[in-house]
Structures are given as C-alpha cells and as structure tokens.
Amino acid sequence: MSIGVDLHKTQFTICMLSEDRKIIKFDEYPARNEGYEAFIKKINFFDRK
C-alpha cells in the first residue's frame, strides 16, 4: 500500500493506493489534532488487514 498526503494550513488530503495502484481510500481531514488522530486510526485499521 502507498499513501500520498497533500498538507495545507487548514486541512490535508490523503490517497491510499493498493499494490496494483487502485485507490483504496481518498479522504480529507482538518489540519488539527483530531484530524491527525483520525488519520492515524485509519492507517492502523488498514495495517491490520
């Protein structure tokens, strides 16, 4: 899996790609603690699969 992150002042956008380059997840999060925590939870969820 590959993850791309586009970070801005107020939000950040992530795109997760599978090994065969298909989009698994595309999300936006606020660039604040709750956004970073939600992103980390999402990564941990996919890491367990």
PDB file of N, CA and C in Angstrom:
ATOM      1  N   MET A   1       0.848  -1.165   0.000  1.00  0.00           N
ATOM      2  CA  MET A   1       0.000   0.000   0.000  1.00  0.00           C
ATOM      3  C   MET A   1       0.897   1.233   0.000  1.00  0.00           C
ATOM      4  N   SER A   2       0.470   2.254  -0.739  1.00  0.00           N
ATOM      5  CA  SER A   2       1.154   3.547  -0.765  1.00  0.00           C
ATOM      6  C   SER A   2       0.178   4.614  -0.290  1.00  0.00           C
ATOM      7  N   ILE A   3       0.709   5.635   0.380  1.00  0.00           N
ATOM      8  CA  ILE A   3      -0.122   6.725   0.872  1.00  0.00           C
ATOM      9  C   ILE A   3       0.494   8.044   0.439  1.00  0.00           C
ATOM     10  N   GLY A   4      -0.321   8.890  -0.188  1.00  0.00           N
ATOM     11  CA  GLY A   4       0.095  10.237  -0.550  1.00  0.00           C
ATOM     12  C   GLY A   4      -0.648  11.230   0.335  1.00  0.00           C
ATOM     13  N   VAL A   5       0.043  12.279   0.765  1.00  0.00           N
ATOM     14  CA  VAL A   5      -0.564  13.290   1.645  1.00  0.00           C
ATOM     15  C   VAL A   5      -0.297  14.665   1.060  1.00  0.00           C
ATOM     16  N   ASP A   6      -1.360  15.463   0.940  1.00  0.00           N
ATOM     17  CA  ASP A   6      -1.255  16.849   0.481  1.00  0.00           C
ATOM     18  C   ASP A   6      -1.657  17.727   1.655  1.00  0.00           C
ATOM     19  N   LEU A   7      -0.676  18.377   2.282  1.00  0.00           N
ATOM     20  CA  LEU A   7      -0.896  19.130   3.516  1.00  0.00           C
ATOM     21  C   LEU A   7      -1.068  20.621   3.232  1.00  0.00           C
ATOM     22  N   HIS A   8      -2.115  21.204   3.807  1.00  0.00           N
ATOM     23  CA  HIS A   8      -2.405  22.638   3.704  1.00  0.00           C
ATOM     24  C   HIS A   8      -2.540  23.204   5.120  1.00  0.00           C
ATOM     25  N   LYS A   9      -2.741  24.497   5.218  1.00  0.00           N
ATOM     26  CA  LYS A   9      -2.861  25.122   6.543  1.00  0.00           C
ATOM     27  C   LYS A   9      -4.076  24.622   7.320  1.00  0.00           C
ATOM     28  N   THR A  10      -5.218  24.461   6.653  1.00  0.00           N
ATOM     29  CA  THR A  10      -6.447  24.128   7.370  1.00  0.00           C
ATOM     30  C   THR A  10      -6.900  22.685   7.213  1.00  0.00           C
ATOM     31  N   GLN A  11      -6.384  21.969   6.223  1.00  0.00           N
ATOM     32  CA  GLN A  11      -6.797  20.584   6.006  1.00  0.00           C
ATOM     33  C   GLN A  11      -5.696  19.835   5.274  1.00  0.00           C
ATOM     34  N   PHE A  12      -5.821  18.489   5.284  1.00  0.00           N
ATOM     35  CA  PHE A  12      -4.923  17.685   4.475  1.00  0.00           C
ATOM     36  C   PHE A  12      -5.715  16.585   3.792  1.00  0.00           C
ATOM     37  N   THR A  13      -5.281  16.229   2.604  1.00  0.00           N
ATOM     38  CA  THR A  13      -5.939  15.234   1.787  1.00  0.00           C
ATOM     39  C   THR A  13      -5.021  14.028   1.675  1.00  0.00           C
ATOM     40  N   ILE A  14      -5.601  12.842   1.804  1.00  0.00           N
ATOM     41  CA  ILE A  14      -4.800  11.619   1.670  1.00  0.00           C
ATOM     42  C   ILE A  14      -5.400  10.742   0.575  1.00  0.00           C
ATOM     43  N   CYS A  15      -4.523   9.977  -0.064  1.00  0.00           N
ATOM     44  CA  CYS A  15      -4.949   8.993  -1.043  1.00  0.00           C
ATOM     45  C   CYS A  15      -4.158   7.720  -0.780  1.00  0.00           C
ATOM     46  N   MET A  16      -4.872   6.631  -0.517  1.00  0.00           N
ATOM     47  CA  MET A  16      -4.237   5.333  -0.297  1.00  0.00           C
ATOM     48  C   MET A  16      -4.410   4.494  -1.547  1.00  0.00           C
ATOM     49  N   LEU A  17      -3.295   3.911  -2.027  1.00  0.00           N
ATOM     50  CA  LEU A  17      -3.322   3.068  -3.212  1.00  0.00           C
ATOM     51  C   LEU A  17      -2.914   1.646  -2.859  1.00  0.00           C
ATOM     52  N   SER A  18      -3.574   0.678  -3.484  1.00  0.00           N
ATOM     53  CA  SER A  18      -3.203  -0.727  -3.304  1.00  0.00           C
ATOM     54  C   SER A  18      -1.935  -1.006  -4.110  1.00  0.00           C
ATOM     55  N   GLU A  19      -1.404  -2.206  -3.953  1.00  0.00           N
ATOM     56  CA  GLU A  19      -0.192  -2.609  -4.681  1.00  0.00           C
ATOM     57  C   GLU A  19      -0.393  -2.538  -6.190  1.00  0.00           C
ATOM     58  N   ASP A  20      -1.627  -2.780  -6.650  1.00  0.00           N
ATOM     59  CA  ASP A  20      -1.889  -2.699  -8.084  1.00  0.00           C
ATOM     60  C   ASP A  20      -2.367  -1.308  -8.511  1.00  0.00           C
ATOM     61  N   ARG A  21      -2.095  -0.309  -7.657  1.00  0.00           N
ATOM     62  CA  ARG A  21      -2.297   1.120  -7.930  1.00  0.00           C
ATOM     63  C   ARG A  21      -3.770   1.533  -8.018  1.00  0.00           C
ATOM     64  N   LYS A  22      -4.657   0.800  -7.375  1.00  0.00           N
ATOM     65  CA  LYS A  22      -6.070   1.183  -7.320  1.00  0.00           C
ATOM     66  C   LYS A  22      -6.318   1.962  -6.036  1.00  0.00           C
ATOM     67  N   ILE A  23      -7.195   2.962  -6.115  1.00  0.00           N
ATOM     68  CA  ILE A  23      -7.499   3.794  -4.953  1.00  0.00           C
ATOM     69  C   ILE A  23      -8.284   2.983  -3.929  1.00  0.00           C
ATOM     70  N   ILE A  24      -7.737   2.916  -2.726  1.00  0.00           N
ATOM     71  CA  ILE A  24      -8.403   2.255  -1.605  1.00  0.00           C
ATOM     72  C   ILE A  24      -9.238   3.280  -0.839  1.00  0.00           C
ATOM     73  N   LYS A  25      -8.661   4.442  -0.608  1.00  0.00           N
ATOM     74  CA  LYS A  25      -9.314   5.473   0.198  1.00  0.00           C
ATOM     75  C   LYS A  25      -8.831   6.837  -0.244  1.00  0.00           C
ATOM     76  N   PHE A  26      -9.739   7.792  -0.288  1.00  0.00           N
ATOM     77  CA  PHE A  26      -9.420   9.182  -0.601  1.00  0.00           C
ATOM     78  C   PHE A  26     -10.211  10.021   0.386  1.00  0.00           C
ATOM     79  N   ASP A  27      -9.530  10.725   1.279  1.00  0.00           N
ATOM     80  CA  ASP A  27     -10.202  11.472   2.348  1.00  0.00           C
ATOM     81  C   ASP A  27      -9.553  12.826   2.584  1.00  0.00           C
ATOM     82  N   GLU A  28     -10.323  13.706   3.211  1.00  0.00           N
ATOM     83  CA  GLU A  28      -9.805  14.985   3.701  1.00  0.00           C
ATOM     84  C   GLU A  28     -10.010  15.035   5.206  1.00  0.00           C
ATOM     85  N   TYR A  29      -9.041  15.620   5.895  1.00  0.00           N
ATOM     86  CA  TYR A  29      -9.078  15.756   7.349  1.00  0.00           C
ATOM     87  C   TYR A  29      -8.710  17.182   7.719  1.00  0.00           C
ATOM     88  N   PRO A  30      -9.211  17.687   8.846  1.00  0.00           N
ATOM     89  CA  PRO A  30      -8.764  19.002   9.312  1.00  0.00           C
ATOM     90  C   PRO A  30      -7.314  18.922   9.785  1.00  0.00           C
ATOM     91  N   ALA A  31      -6.558  19.959   9.542  1.00  0.00           N
ATOM     92  CA  ALA A  31      -5.146  20.009   9.970  1.00  0.00           C
ATOM     93  C   ALA A  31      -5.082  20.444  11.437  1.00  0.00           C
ATOM     94  N   ARG A  32      -5.697  19.629  12.272  1.00  0.00           N
ATOM     95  CA  ARG A  32      -5.703  19.829  13.725  1.00  0.00           C
ATOM     96  C   ARG A  32      -5.532  18.461  14.370  1.00  0.00           C
ATOM     97  N   ASN A  33      -5.357  18.448  15.663  1.00  0.00           N
ATOM     98  CA  ASN A  33      -5.112  17.188  16.373  1.00  0.00           C
ATOM     99  C   ASN A  33      -6.146  16.113  16.059  1.00  0.00           C
ATOM    100  N   GLU A  34      -7.436  16.472  16.029  1.00  0.00           N
ATOM    101  CA  GLU A  34      -8.462  15.452  15.783  1.00  0.00           C
ATOM    102  C   GLU A  34      -8.345  14.881  14.361  1.00  0.00           C
ATOM    103  N   GLY A  35      -7.925  15.689  13.407  1.00  0.00           N
ATOM    104  CA  GLY A  35      -7.720  15.195  12.044  1.00  0.00           C
ATOM    105  C   GLY A  35      -6.542  14.247  11.965  1.00  0.00           C
ATOM    106  N   TYR A  36      -5.434  14.600  12.632  1.00  0.00           N
ATOM    107  CA  TYR A  36      -4.252  13.731  12.640  1.00  0.00           C
ATOM    108  C   TYR A  36      -4.562  12.406  13.331  1.00  0.00           C
ATOM    109  N   GLU A  37      -5.312  12.470  14.431  1.00  0.00           N
ATOM    110  CA  GLU A  37      -5.665  11.250  15.165  1.00  0.00           C
ATOM    111  C   GLU A  37      -6.575  10.345  14.324  1.00  0.00           C
ATOM    112  N   ALA A  38      -7.529  10.939  13.611  1.00  0.00           N
ATOM    113  CA  ALA A  38      -8.422  10.149  12.753  1.00  0.00           C
ATOM    114  C   ALA A  38      -7.627   9.482  11.628  1.00  0.00           C
ATOM    115  N   PHE A  39      -6.669  10.192  11.066  1.00  0.00           N
ATOM    116  CA  PHE A  39      -5.825   9.640  10.009  1.00  0.00           C
ATOM    117  C   PHE A  39      -4.989   8.473  10.529  1.00  0.00           C
ATOM    118  N   ILE A  40      -4.412   8.621  11.699  1.00  0.00           N
ATOM    119  CA  ILE A  40      -3.613   7.541  12.296  1.00  0.00           C
ATOM    120  C   ILE A  40      -4.483   6.311  12.558  1.00  0.00           C
ATOM    121  N   LYS A  41      -5.703   6.512  13.052  1.00  0.00           N
ATOM    122  CA  LYS A  41      -6.614   5.384  13.264  1.00  0.00           C
ATOM    123  C   LYS A  41      -6.907   4.672  11.954  1.00  0.00           C
ATOM    124  N   LYS A  42      -7.093   5.446  10.883  1.00  0.00           N
ATOM    125  CA  LYS A  42      -7.375   4.866   9.571  1.00  0.00           C
ATOM    126  C   LYS A  42      -6.191   4.032   9.089  1.00  0.00           C
ATOM    127  N   ILE A  43      -4.983   4.539   9.258  1.00  0.00           N
ATOM    128  CA  ILE A  43      -3.787   3.797   8.848  1.00  0.00           C
ATOM    129  C   ILE A  43      -3.673   2.505   9.652  1.00  0.00           C
ATOM    130  N   ASN A  44      -3.896   2.576  10.953  1.00  0.00           N
ATOM    131  CA  ASN A  44      -3.829   1.378  11.793  1.00  0.00           C
ATOM    132  C   ASN A  44      -4.867   0.347  11.376  1.00  0.00           C
ATOM    133  N   PHE A  45      -6.046   0.802  10.983  1.00  0.00           N
ATOM    134  CA  PHE A  45      -7.093  -0.109  10.530  1.00  0.00           C
ATOM    135  C   PHE A  45      -6.630  -0.861   9.288  1.00  0.00           C
ATOM    136  N   PHE A  46      -6.078  -0.154   8.309  1.00  0.00           N
ATOM    137  CA  PHE A  46      -5.629  -0.799   7.080  1.00  0.00           C
ATOM    138  C   PHE A  46      -4.380  -1.639   7.299  1.00  0.00           C
ATOM    139  N   ASP A  47      -3.575  -1.285   8.273  1.00  0.00           N
ATOM    140  CA  ASP A  47      -2.349  -2.036   8.558  1.00  0.00           C
ATOM    141  C   ASP A  47      -2.675  -3.422   9.110  1.00  0.00           C
ATOM    142  N   ARG A  48      -3.818  -3.567   9.776  1.00  0.00           N
ATOM    143  CA  ARG A  48      -4.213  -4.853  10.368  1.00  0.00           C
ATOM    144  C   ARG A  48      -4.763  -5.827   9.336  1.00  0.00           C
ATOM    145  N   LYS A  49      -5.153  -5.331   8.167  1.00  0.00           N
ATOM    146  CA  LYS A  49      -5.745  -6.203   7.144  1.00  0.00           C
ATOM    147  C   LYS A  49      -4.719  -7.083   6.499  1.00  0.00           C
TER     148      LYS A  49
END
